Structure formats: C-alpha cells, structure tokens
Protein backbone atom coordinates (compact mmCIF):
# COMPACT_ATOMS: atom_id res chain seq x y z
CA MET A 1 5.03 19.72 52.12
CA ASP A 2 6.35 18.51 55.56
CA PHE A 3 7.98 21.12 57.88
CA ARG A 4 11.90 20.65 57.94
CA LEU A 5 14.38 22.58 60.05
CA SER A 6 16.80 22.54 57.07
CA GLU A 7 14.37 24.49 55.20
CA LEU A 8 14.88 27.58 57.67
CA CYS A 9 18.66 27.60 57.20
CA GLY A 10 18.34 29.93 54.19
CA PHE A 11 17.81 32.70 56.64
CA GLN A 12 20.90 34.33 58.14
CA GLN A 13 19.15 36.53 60.71
CA ILE A 14 16.97 34.28 63.03
CA VAL A 15 15.47 35.02 66.36
CA ILE A 16 13.94 32.24 68.30
CA GLN A 17 11.17 33.38 70.79
CA CYS A 18 9.28 31.45 73.49
CA HIS A 19 6.41 32.72 75.48
CA ASP A 20 6.46 35.34 78.22
CA ASN A 21 7.21 33.87 81.57
CA PRO A 22 8.94 30.84 80.05
CA ASP A 23 8.79 27.46 81.55
CA ALA A 24 11.22 24.64 81.28
CA ASP A 25 9.73 23.13 78.02
CA ALA A 26 10.02 26.49 76.41
CA LEU A 27 13.57 26.98 77.40
CA ALA A 28 14.59 23.50 76.30
CA SER A 29 12.86 23.80 72.92
CA GLY A 30 14.42 27.18 72.08
CA PHE A 31 17.86 26.04 73.50
CA ALA A 32 18.02 22.87 71.22
CA LEU A 33 16.74 24.84 68.14
CA ARG A 34 19.55 27.45 68.58
CA TRP A 35 21.87 24.60 69.01
CA TYR A 36 20.86 23.02 65.68
CA PHE A 37 21.34 26.53 63.88
CA ALA A 38 24.79 26.92 65.37
CA ARG A 39 25.90 23.53 63.82
CA LYS A 40 24.66 24.99 60.56
CA GLY A 41 26.87 28.01 60.98
CA ILE A 42 23.80 30.37 61.85
CA SER A 43 24.02 32.41 64.95
CA ALA A 44 20.42 32.62 66.21
CA ARG A 45 19.20 34.69 69.28
CA PHE A 46 16.94 33.11 71.87
CA VAL A 47 14.59 35.66 73.54
CA TYR A 48 11.44 36.01 75.59
CA GLY A 49 9.32 39.21 76.35
CA GLY A 50 6.83 40.24 78.93
CA ASP A 51 7.34 42.28 82.17
CA ASN A 52 9.16 39.56 84.32
CA PRO A 53 12.59 38.11 83.98
CA ILE A 54 12.91 34.39 84.85
CA ALA A 55 12.98 33.97 88.67
CA LYS A 56 11.71 30.47 89.40
CA SER A 57 14.48 28.48 91.09
CA ASN A 58 14.65 25.48 88.87
CA LEU A 59 14.44 27.66 85.70
CA VAL A 60 17.41 29.88 86.99
CA LEU A 61 19.38 26.91 87.65
CA MET A 62 18.43 25.31 84.29
CA ASN A 63 19.58 28.50 82.54
CA GLU A 64 22.88 28.62 84.33
CA ASN A 65 23.88 25.09 84.39
CA LEU A 66 23.09 24.26 80.74
CA GLY A 67 24.04 27.63 79.32
CA ILE A 68 20.73 28.32 77.89
CA ASN A 69 21.16 32.11 78.06
CA CYS A 70 17.69 33.04 76.92
CA GLU A 71 17.60 36.88 76.75
CA HIS A 72 14.74 38.92 78.37
CA VAL A 73 14.04 41.68 75.86
CA ARG A 74 11.41 44.41 75.63
CA GLU A 75 12.30 45.63 72.04
CA LEU A 76 13.50 43.63 69.07
CA GLU A 77 14.75 44.78 65.72
CA PRO A 78 12.66 42.83 63.12
CA PRO A 79 14.68 39.77 62.07
CA GLU A 80 14.44 38.00 58.66
CA LEU A 81 12.74 35.08 60.64
CA LEU A 82 11.13 34.91 63.98
CA ILE A 83 10.41 31.36 65.21
CA THR A 84 8.09 31.00 68.24
CA VAL A 85 8.57 27.82 70.17
CA ASP A 86 6.18 26.31 72.76
CA CYS A 87 3.63 28.99 71.70
CA GLN A 88 1.94 30.50 68.67
CA TYR A 89 2.44 34.05 67.31
CA GLY A 90 -0.39 36.23 68.32
CA GLU A 91 -1.45 34.50 71.52
CA SER A 92 -1.93 36.64 74.63
CA ASN A 93 1.23 35.25 76.44
CA VAL A 94 3.53 36.08 73.38
CA THR A 95 4.90 39.59 73.10
CA PRO A 96 4.26 40.45 69.40
CA PHE A 97 7.69 41.32 68.17
CA PRO A 98 7.63 42.30 64.41
CA ALA A 99 9.45 40.17 61.97
CA LYS A 100 9.68 39.72 58.07
CA GLU A 101 8.60 36.25 58.39
CA ILE A 102 7.12 34.02 61.06
CA ALA A 103 7.49 30.42 61.89
CA VAL A 104 5.74 28.39 64.71
CA ILE A 105 6.86 25.15 66.39
CA ASP A 106 4.50 24.14 69.13
CA HIS A 107 2.40 21.29 70.86
CA HIS A 108 -0.60 23.08 72.09
CA ARG A 109 -3.88 23.39 70.34
CA VAL A 110 -4.12 25.56 67.26
CA SER A 111 -5.53 28.85 68.37
CA GLY A 112 -5.70 30.86 65.25
CA THR A 113 -4.32 31.09 61.68
CA LEU A 114 -0.93 29.56 61.48
CA PRO A 115 1.86 30.94 59.12
CA ALA A 116 2.87 28.79 56.27
CA ARG A 117 6.01 27.61 58.03
CA SER A 118 4.41 25.79 61.03
CA GLU A 119 4.78 22.58 62.96
CA VAL A 120 2.01 21.96 65.62
CA ARG A 121 1.75 18.54 67.01
CA SER A 122 -0.94 18.85 69.69
CA ASN A 123 -0.89 15.25 70.66
CA TYR A 124 2.70 15.40 71.95
CA GLY A 125 3.32 15.90 75.60
CA SER A 126 5.91 18.64 75.14
CA CYS A 127 7.37 20.93 72.54
CA ALA A 128 10.66 19.37 73.47
CA THR A 129 9.46 16.33 71.77
CA VAL A 130 8.49 18.18 68.61
CA ILE A 131 12.03 19.61 68.55
CA PHE A 132 13.40 16.14 69.18
CA GLU A 133 11.51 14.65 66.22
CA LEU A 134 12.45 17.65 63.87
CA LEU A 135 16.10 17.16 64.67
CA ARG A 136 15.82 13.35 64.27
CA ALA A 137 14.27 13.98 60.84
CA GLU A 138 17.43 15.92 60.05
CA GLY A 139 19.67 13.08 61.15
CA THR A 140 20.70 15.18 64.24
CA ASP A 141 21.38 13.18 67.47
CA ILE A 142 20.60 15.07 70.57
CA ASN A 143 23.09 13.10 72.55
CA GLU A 144 25.84 14.77 70.63
CA ASP A 145 25.52 17.47 73.14
CA ARG A 146 24.52 16.29 76.62
CA ASP A 147 23.35 19.65 77.90
CA VAL A 148 20.85 19.70 74.95
CA ALA A 149 19.63 16.18 75.80
CA THR A 150 19.29 17.14 79.47
CA ALA A 151 17.26 20.25 78.56
CA LEU A 152 14.97 18.36 76.35
CA TYR A 153 14.43 15.52 78.79
CA TYR A 154 13.65 17.90 81.64
CA GLY A 155 11.35 20.02 79.41
CA LEU A 156 9.39 16.84 78.64
CA MET A 157 9.45 15.71 82.22
CA THR A 158 7.91 19.03 83.66
CA ASP A 159 5.36 19.27 80.93
CA THR A 160 4.07 15.78 81.51
CA GLY A 161 3.90 15.70 85.29
CA ASP A 162 7.08 13.62 85.74
CA PHE A 163 6.15 11.62 82.74
CA SER A 164 2.77 10.72 84.30
CA GLU A 165 0.82 12.10 81.43
CA ILE A 166 2.99 10.59 78.52
CA SER A 167 0.87 8.88 75.88
CA HIS A 168 2.56 9.39 72.59
CA PRO A 169 5.36 7.10 71.49
CA SER A 170 7.52 10.01 70.50
CA ASP A 171 7.46 11.20 74.02
CA ARG A 172 8.58 7.84 75.15
CA ASP A 173 11.38 7.80 72.50
CA LEU A 174 12.59 11.11 73.90
CA ARG A 175 12.45 9.95 77.60
CA ASP A 176 14.26 6.73 76.61
CA THR A 177 16.71 8.01 74.16
CA ALA A 178 18.07 11.30 75.99
CA SER A 179 21.56 10.72 77.68
CA PHE A 180 21.10 13.24 80.30
CA HIS A 181 23.07 14.60 83.37
CA LYS A 182 21.45 12.75 86.17
CA ALA A 183 22.79 15.03 88.76
CA LEU A 184 21.41 18.12 87.07
CA ILE A 185 17.94 16.60 86.70
CA THR A 186 17.97 15.81 90.39
CA LEU A 187 18.96 19.34 91.27
CA PHE A 188 16.34 20.79 89.02
CA ARG A 189 13.72 18.59 90.40
CA ASN A 190 14.43 19.29 93.87
CA SER A 191 14.68 23.16 93.19
CA ASN A 192 11.23 23.56 91.81
CA LEU A 193 10.09 25.72 94.85
CA SER A 194 11.85 28.44 96.80
CA ILE A 195 11.05 28.64 100.43
CA ASP A 196 9.15 31.92 99.71
CA GLU A 197 7.15 30.09 96.94
CA LEU A 198 6.36 27.23 99.40
CA ARG A 199 5.09 29.71 101.72
CA ILE A 200 2.97 31.47 98.98
CA ALA A 201 1.49 28.08 97.97
CA GLY A 202 0.83 27.32 101.67
CA GLU A 203 -0.87 30.51 102.31
CA ALA A 204 -2.88 30.39 99.09
CA LEU A 205 -4.28 26.88 100.03
CA LYS A 206 -5.51 28.19 103.25
CA ASN A 207 -8.11 30.42 101.55
CA THR A 208 -9.87 28.11 99.19
CA ILE A 209 -13.37 28.40 97.69
CA VAL A 210 -14.89 25.04 96.92
CA ASP A 211 -18.30 24.69 95.11
CA GLU A 212 -19.40 21.21 96.20
CA ALA A 213 -22.30 21.04 93.82
CA ARG A 214 -20.29 22.03 90.71
CA CYS A 215 -17.11 20.32 91.98
CA TYR A 216 -14.91 23.28 91.39
CA GLY A 217 -12.35 25.25 93.45
CA ILE A 218 -10.90 28.68 93.32
CA VAL A 219 -7.72 29.89 94.96
CA GLU A 220 -6.19 33.45 94.95
CA ALA A 221 -2.44 33.36 95.39
CA GLY A 222 -0.19 36.17 96.38
CA PRO A 223 2.42 37.80 93.94
CA CYS A 224 4.51 34.99 92.41
CA ASP A 225 6.02 33.68 89.25
CA SER A 226 3.27 32.37 87.05
CA ASN A 227 4.38 28.80 87.11
CA ILE A 228 3.74 28.71 90.91
CA LEU A 229 0.11 29.02 89.87
CA GLY A 230 0.35 25.80 88.06
CA ILE A 231 1.91 24.02 91.07
CA ILE A 232 -0.84 25.20 93.36
CA SER A 233 -3.33 24.09 90.92
CA ASP A 234 -1.92 20.69 90.60
CA MET A 235 -1.97 20.35 94.35
CA PHE A 236 -5.48 21.71 94.60
CA LEU A 237 -6.66 19.30 92.06
CA GLU A 238 -5.73 16.39 94.28
CA VAL A 239 -8.51 17.37 96.78
CA GLU A 240 -11.50 15.04 96.78
CA GLY A 241 -14.55 16.51 95.22
CA VAL A 242 -12.41 19.24 93.27
CA ASN A 243 -12.48 18.20 89.63
CA THR A 244 -11.86 21.58 88.22
CA CYS A 245 -9.97 24.50 89.70
CA VAL A 246 -8.72 28.04 88.95
CA VAL A 247 -5.73 29.57 90.76
CA TYR A 248 -5.09 33.29 89.99
CA ASN A 249 -3.15 36.31 91.34
CA ILE A 250 -3.80 39.90 90.95
CA LEU A 251 -1.13 41.87 89.07
CA PRO A 252 -0.82 45.48 88.14
CA PRO A 253 -1.68 44.96 84.47
CA GLY A 254 -4.26 42.18 85.05
CA ILE A 255 -5.04 38.76 86.46
CA LYS A 256 -2.99 35.77 85.63
CA TYR A 257 -4.64 32.33 86.06
CA SER A 258 -4.08 28.68 85.90
CA VAL A 259 -6.78 26.20 85.11
CA ARG A 260 -6.72 22.26 85.74
CA SER A 261 -9.35 19.70 85.06
CA CYS A 262 -9.35 15.88 85.69
CA VAL A 263 -12.75 15.08 84.00
CA LYS A 264 -13.58 14.69 80.37
CA GLU A 265 -16.73 16.99 80.83
CA VAL A 266 -14.41 20.07 81.20
CA LYS A 267 -11.56 20.74 78.93
CA ALA A 268 -9.05 22.98 80.81
CA CYS A 269 -8.38 24.92 77.61
CA GLU A 270 -12.00 25.56 76.86
CA LEU A 271 -12.65 26.88 80.40
CA ALA A 272 -9.60 29.06 80.21
CA GLU A 273 -10.94 30.48 76.95
CA TYR A 274 -14.33 31.09 78.42
CA LEU A 275 -13.08 32.90 81.56
CA ALA A 276 -10.92 35.27 79.15
CA GLU A 277 -13.73 35.95 76.60
CA ASN A 278 -14.11 39.70 76.18
CA TYR A 279 -11.47 40.32 78.81
CA GLY A 280 -8.17 38.82 77.56
CA GLY A 281 -6.90 35.53 76.36
CA GLY A 282 -6.55 31.82 77.48
CA GLY A 283 -5.83 28.40 76.20
CA GLY A 284 -3.70 25.28 76.70
CA HIS A 285 -4.18 21.55 77.00
CA LEU A 286 -7.23 19.38 77.79
CA VAL A 287 -6.16 19.13 81.43
CA LYS A 288 -3.74 22.14 82.00
CA ALA A 289 -4.36 25.58 80.82
CA GLY A 290 -4.15 29.17 81.61
CA GLY A 291 -4.86 32.71 80.67
CA PHE A 292 -4.73 36.55 81.47
CA LEU A 293 -7.41 39.03 82.20
CA LYS A 294 -6.50 42.60 81.30
CA LYS A 295 -7.18 45.12 83.98
CA ASP A 296 -8.47 47.93 81.52
CA LEU A 297 -11.01 45.55 79.90
CA LEU A 298 -12.22 44.47 83.29
CA MET A 299 -12.57 48.01 84.49
CA ARG A 300 -14.26 49.06 81.26
CA ALA A 301 -16.80 46.35 81.95
CA GLY A 302 -17.53 47.84 85.37
CA VAL A 303 -15.44 45.22 87.37
CA ARG A 304 -13.65 47.10 90.32
CA TYR A 305 -10.07 46.11 90.63
CA GLY A 306 -10.11 45.06 94.29
CA LYS A 307 -9.66 41.71 96.00
CA GLU A 308 -13.28 41.04 96.89
CA ASP A 309 -14.60 42.24 93.49
CA ILE A 310 -12.12 40.04 91.58
CA THR A 311 -13.03 36.98 93.76
CA ARG A 312 -16.74 37.71 93.00
CA PHE A 313 -16.05 38.05 89.34
CA VAL A 314 -14.09 34.95 88.95
CA THR A 315 -16.72 32.99 90.97
CA GLU A 316 -19.63 34.30 88.85
CA ARG A 317 -17.68 33.34 85.73
CA MET A 318 -17.10 29.94 86.97
CA ASN A 319 -20.77 29.55 88.04
CA ALA A 320 -21.94 30.78 84.70
CA TYR A 321 -19.66 28.29 82.77
CA PHE A 322 -21.15 25.30 84.64
CA ASP A 323 -24.81 26.55 84.73
CA THR A 324 -25.00 27.44 81.06
CA SER A 325 -23.34 24.47 79.66
CA THR A 326 -25.46 21.43 78.78
CA ILE A 327 -23.75 18.09 78.26
CA LEU A 328 -25.07 15.52 75.84
CA TYR A 329 -23.78 11.93 75.10
CA ALA A 330 -24.46 10.20 71.79
CA GLY A 331 -26.19 6.94 72.48
CA GLU A 332 -27.81 8.40 75.84
CA TYR A 333 -29.52 11.50 74.24
CA ARG A 334 -32.88 11.10 72.97
CA ALA A 335 -33.80 13.93 70.78
CA GLU A 336 -37.37 15.40 71.08
CA LEU A 337 -37.98 15.65 67.43
CA SER A 338 -40.87 18.05 67.97
CA GLU A 339 -38.29 20.66 68.85
CA PHE A 340 -36.31 20.07 65.76
CA SER A 341 -36.99 20.87 62.09
CA ARG A 342 -36.19 18.63 59.20
CA TYR A 343 -33.43 19.72 56.90
CA LYS A 344 -31.69 18.33 53.77
CA LYS A 345 -28.36 19.02 52.30
CA LYS A 346 -28.08 21.62 49.56
CA ARG A 347 -26.25 20.27 46.31
CA PHE A 348 -22.74 21.21 46.54
CA SER A 349 -19.25 19.88 45.82
CA VAL A 350 -16.89 18.60 48.67
CA GLY A 351 -13.98 16.29 48.77
CA PHE A 352 -13.55 12.83 50.49
CA VAL A 353 -10.78 10.48 51.29
CA ARG A 354 -11.04 6.71 52.01
CA ALA A 355 -9.24 6.40 55.44
CA ALA A 356 -7.81 2.99 54.47
CA GLU A 357 -5.78 4.78 51.75
CA LEU A 358 -4.01 6.63 54.57
CA ALA A 359 -3.25 4.12 57.22
CA VAL A 360 -3.55 0.38 57.61
CA PRO A 361 -7.09 -0.78 58.91
CA GLY A 362 -7.00 -1.20 62.73
CA ARG A 363 -4.58 1.67 63.27
CA GLU A 364 -5.73 4.51 65.57
CA VAL A 365 -5.40 8.09 63.98
CA MET A 366 -6.27 11.60 65.14
CA ILE A 367 -8.39 13.67 62.84
CA ARG A 368 -8.03 17.37 63.42
CA THR A 369 -11.37 19.37 62.87
CA LEU A 370 -12.32 22.77 63.41
CA GLU A 371 -14.39 21.63 66.41
CA GLY A 372 -11.57 19.68 67.90
CA ASP A 373 -9.42 16.67 67.67
CA ILE A 374 -11.02 13.32 67.56
CA ASP A 375 -9.42 9.83 67.63
CA VAL A 376 -10.82 7.22 65.33
CA THR A 377 -9.92 3.72 64.42
CA VAL A 378 -9.26 3.16 60.65
CA THR A 379 -11.58 0.65 58.94
CA GLU A 380 -12.34 -0.33 55.44
CA ASP A 381 -15.63 1.59 55.46
CA LEU A 382 -14.36 4.73 57.20
CA TYR A 383 -14.36 7.90 54.92
CA ILE A 384 -13.24 11.47 55.83
CA ILE A 385 -15.28 14.36 54.34
CA LEU A 386 -13.61 17.72 53.51
CA ASN A 387 -16.43 20.12 53.70
CA VAL A 388 -17.25 23.53 52.13
CA ASN A 389 -15.01 25.62 54.43
CA GLY A 390 -12.24 23.05 54.75
CA GLU A 391 -13.37 21.50 57.87
CA ILE A 392 -13.17 17.70 57.99
CA TYR A 393 -15.15 14.92 59.80
CA PRO A 394 -15.40 11.15 59.57
CA ILE A 395 -18.35 9.21 58.08
CA ARG A 396 -19.19 5.55 57.40
CA ARG A 397 -19.52 4.19 53.78
CA ASP A 398 -23.13 3.44 54.01
CA LYS A 399 -24.02 6.94 55.08
CA PHE A 400 -21.51 8.44 52.46
CA GLU A 401 -23.29 6.55 49.69
CA ARG A 402 -26.61 7.73 50.79
CA SER A 403 -25.57 11.38 51.07
CA TYR A 404 -22.93 11.95 48.41
CA GLN A 405 -22.21 10.91 44.74
CA CYS A 406 -18.69 10.59 43.42
CA THR A 407 -17.68 12.74 40.55
CA ASP A 408 -14.72 12.93 38.08
CA ALA A 409 -14.24 16.65 38.58
CA PRO A 410 -10.64 17.58 39.96
CA TYR A 411 -10.85 18.44 43.81
CA GLU A 412 -9.85 21.95 44.86
CA TYR A 413 -9.44 22.49 48.71
CA PRO A 414 -11.14 25.55 49.93
CA GLY A 415 -9.41 26.12 53.22
CA GLU A 416 -6.09 27.98 54.14
CA TYR A 417 -4.58 25.05 56.25
CA ALA A 418 -3.98 21.89 54.39
CA PRO A 419 -5.82 18.99 56.46
CA ASN A 420 -4.11 16.05 57.78
CA ILE A 421 -4.44 13.16 60.13
CA ILE A 422 -1.88 11.87 62.67
CA ASP A 423 -0.97 8.31 63.09
CA ASN A 424 -1.20 7.86 66.87
CA ALA A 425 1.22 4.92 66.90
CA THR A 426 3.97 6.50 64.92
CA GLY A 427 3.30 10.28 65.11
CA GLU A 428 3.50 10.53 61.37
CA ARG A 429 1.49 13.31 59.82
CA ILE A 430 -0.41 12.33 56.64
CA SER A 431 -1.77 15.07 54.28
CA LEU A 432 -5.33 14.29 52.99
CA LEU A 433 -4.98 16.38 49.92
CA PRO A 434 -3.00 13.97 47.75
CA TYR A 435 -5.77 11.36 48.21
CA ALA A 436 -8.85 13.61 47.98
CA ARG A 437 -11.38 13.09 45.35
CA SER A 438 -14.57 15.14 44.48
CA CYS A 439 -18.15 14.28 45.33
CA VAL A 440 -21.56 16.02 45.28
CA SER A 441 -23.96 16.30 48.00
CA VAL A 442 -27.24 14.50 46.94
CA GLY A 443 -29.26 15.19 50.14
CA GLY A 444 -29.61 11.64 51.54
CA ASP A 445 -32.08 11.13 54.32
CA GLY A 446 -31.43 14.54 55.71
CA ILE A 447 -31.17 15.63 59.42
CA TYR A 448 -33.22 17.01 62.29
CA ALA A 449 -31.70 20.11 63.57
CA LYS A 450 -32.33 23.16 66.03
CA GLU A 451 -30.58 26.30 66.57
CA LEU A 452 -28.80 26.52 69.96
CA THR A 453 -29.49 29.19 72.41
CA GLY A 454 -26.86 28.16 74.91
CA ARG A 455 -23.52 26.29 75.25
CA VAL A 456 -23.67 22.54 74.54
CA LYS A 457 -21.04 20.03 74.84
CA VAL A 458 -21.67 17.08 72.71
CA PHE A 459 -19.90 13.63 73.02
CA THR A 460 -20.22 12.03 69.66
CA ALA A 461 -20.29 8.36 68.80
CA TRP A 462 -16.96 8.87 67.03
CA ASP A 463 -15.07 10.10 70.19
CA PRO A 464 -16.67 9.50 73.63
CA GLU A 465 -13.76 11.05 75.41
CA LYS A 466 -13.62 14.53 73.94
CA TYR A 467 -16.67 16.83 73.32
CA TYR A 468 -17.49 19.14 70.57
CA LEU A 469 -18.66 22.61 71.77
CA GLY A 470 -21.76 24.23 70.37
CA ARG A 471 -22.27 27.97 71.01
CA PRO A 472 -25.38 30.02 70.43
CA GLY A 473 -26.11 30.37 66.87
CA ASP A 474 -24.80 26.89 66.01
CA TYR A 475 -26.97 23.90 65.45
CA LEU A 476 -27.46 20.57 67.35
CA ALA A 477 -28.28 17.83 64.88
CA VAL A 478 -29.23 14.18 64.51
CA ARG A 479 -29.31 12.10 61.35
CA ALA A 480 -32.84 11.34 60.14
CA ASP A 481 -31.71 7.70 59.63
CA ASP A 482 -30.00 7.32 62.91
CA VAL A 483 -31.07 9.75 65.67
CA SER A 484 -28.28 8.39 68.02
CA ASP A 485 -25.68 10.02 65.65
CA LEU A 486 -25.53 13.25 67.47
CA TYR A 487 -23.19 16.29 66.47
CA VAL A 488 -22.86 20.07 66.32
CA ILE A 489 -22.78 22.15 63.10
CA GLU A 490 -21.32 25.62 63.14
CA GLY A 491 -23.77 28.24 62.34
CA GLY A 492 -22.22 29.63 59.12
CA ILE A 493 -21.56 26.13 57.92
CA PHE A 494 -25.11 25.10 58.56
CA ALA A 495 -26.51 27.99 56.41
CA LYS A 496 -24.22 27.04 53.58
CA THR A 497 -24.91 23.47 53.45
CA TYR A 498 -28.46 22.85 54.57
CA GLU A 499 -31.99 23.99 53.63
CA LYS A 500 -35.30 23.45 55.41
CA CYS A 501 -37.55 20.64 53.98
CA GLU A 502 -40.89 21.64 52.77
CA GLU A 503 -43.63 20.73 54.96
CA LYS A 504 -46.00 18.03 53.62
C-alpha cells in the first residue's frame, strides 16, 4: 500500500523529529508536516535532540522569520506516533526517543530496516520534495501558506547546491511551483556564514592535507556548527586534484566529519560508512555525506584523543580505504578463469517480473537492490528477479530462459520490505509484488566465481555510473556464457543459491 499522510491522522499524539543539528531541509520538512496536521485539527510537536541548539545564522533566521519553532529537547514522553523527517530512526545522528509507533519520511539511502509506515525516496534531491509530493497526493497546495512554500523551497535549494544538483522532475516541480518570499530567501542565502564561521573556514583551509597520488584532501576545522563542515568541504572539493575530501572537528564526545566526492569511483556515503566502521556511524548521499566517531570507541581501540593522533588516524583510514579497494569495470575486466571455480545454481524457487508490465519500454526506472540502486531502461526483454532473500536484480530474457523455468505455483515474497521500482520521469513508485510470478532455477550455464579477500567496487554492465561493493566473504562472479557480465554476490546469498560443479 502506498504511504499516505492521511493514514497518520488517526493518531492524536504526534511528534515530528528531525536529526540532531538540523539543516534547512530538515526544518522545512518538519515545519510543513506540522502545518498539514494542524489543518487536520491535530496539534503535533516538532523537535530535535542532540547536545547543540540551532546556532547557524541562516537557520536561526529561518526559524524566526517563518515561525518554524522547532524545539530542542533532551527527553521526550513516548508519543503515540513519532515521525522522523530527513533522517531514519536508529541512525547515529538521530537521538533515539521512544515511541509507541515509528514512521519515517526521508530522501537518503535506506540504512537499515524501516518501520511499516515509511516513505523514503532516495532519488529526490531533498526531503522537502518528498513532503511536497505527499502533500500534493492529499490535494494540499503548499502555496496556501507562503511561509510553508518558502521553507520547502529553501530546504530544496540548500540540499541541492542552489539547485545545481537537481535531477528529479519532482524537485523541479517544487522549485517552479513554490510561491515564496523572495526577500526572505535572499536574506537566508546571504546569512549562510557568520563572521566567526567565515574565520573558522578560512583558518581550516590554511591547514590542509592533500594526497596527490590518491587525490583526496583532509582538513581539521575548529569548533563550529556541523553544517560549517559541509561548507568547508564544498569549498575544498573545488581545488584541482582533490576528488574526495574529509573535513572534521574534534568535539568532547567524538569527531564529527563531512565527506564529499566528485568522482563515481567513490560514493561519499560509502566512504563515510567506512570511516565510521567499528567507531560510530556514517552515511548520506553519493556526493555528500557525513558521520561521527565516538570518543570512547576510539580510545578503547587505542587511539589517543589528541590533535596529532586524530589526524594520523583519519589519514590512515583514508589511505586504507583507497589502498584496499579494487575497482573493476564490466567490459574492461578480463577474468583470469584459473583463479575462479565453476558453480551452478541450486534448484530453488524465486519470483520474476517482466519490466514491460511495470513501465512503458524506453522509460528509465530505478531498481532498488540490497547492493545499491541502479538505473535501467525498460525493454521488452528485461526481467527482474526476486531472489531467495528478497533481493532483486535485472536480467535479459535470453539469460532468464537459460537459467529459470516458469511454474504455476503462487509466489510468496520472502523479504520484509516489499520491493519496488521508481519511474525516473514521474517519480511514481511501482510495487513489484502484484506482478510477480514464480519460477525455478534450472542451473543454466553456471558462473565462474571466487571468494573476495578484500574490498572490490564493481561497475556492472547494467549501470556504469554506480558501483556494487563487494566485501571479504562475498563473491566476484562472471557468467559462464558471458564473462563480460561481471557482478558481486553477497556471501550468505551465494551459499544458499550456488553449488560447486563436479570436476570432470
């Protein structure tokens, strides 16, 4: 069932929560959502947690001029419903307030198991756009309240680099539809940095570390609002020869950091996750991300909490990330089959969907998989497999017919989150399950595979712009009938679905 805001109106005690250290997009999203509930006679609270109240100049002005009134709280009585906006409950930058029920509205990558009431549109440029579309689906016009329209417009603007990163039609719709206060947008835009913050940024950029071989940069900033780290990152990334950067500051409870990337070989969100592995949490977008390293976890691992030691730690983590990651491109990679073993699929039941039943051939859609999102063009011979753990992936009809046999058995989906595709032109989410039918694996020509001992980034033939990440214990595979078809299979799934061929 599609997520609808009207379905949440059965709750009378609602709290809307954005992430700690909220930005303009988070404030706009929660503000518009609270406005919607007020129109329905429901008085919802809008809060954020964490140690620091909003201090960034443009956000203070936004809060005051638009009447956003987002409350900074440290404790919260469990409401009937807690809705997180511009974030996902359980993430490291979201204070885990208890609630009887949780809902999520976000535009970042899915970072864990979502509650049943969730709407995450990762291909949107801002959460403000998600809220805009949800309001539009309810027949609610944001221009009925110019403050709301201004907030959503500014939230989108700040999260897409002054609209420079807009790619989705819904983002363009919000930009072109919103009837906003032009004077206030000008005020907010020209109040993005205080004099002190400008000095912090300037001082930070005097002390950069640039690794010319690996094309990355590192900057330590002084104490500042976490949003300033992103501004410094954006400036640093404009330096020639710096394709990836990390900007951080050392705080009493830990290290807050911002990550940027301008090359497809480094997903900012994946690098942020890598830096925080075993020490905290990180995530975000393909080009912009961030995270937090907990002081107690660092010290427990023997990292001294001093300036030089932290610089050394961040540098070593960055070097390890680049030095232990192998990048492979389908079509260019030539598998040395002597290093691989031959496997065939076990006989098991899965589901499949003909893509042409979901969207008109020629239309671009995004398929959400466990390994990441991939964009494909719908054709008559494109099929989508729903595998044993609920993961999905595309396959051509000729390969499908060699590997699977259709059956009349009813299909039962084994996963927790119903899979869908997103029409990139309209933003429409289409559930696969109503169209899914059963089939049985019949082995086909099999694959060549080898277990990975390090990190591998694989650009598949399906999506040459986004890589699949393979970790130690996963498998690198090529089809026996097409060794240019290169991909990664998660270790647990591989054990369930493949068996070694007998040697002749």
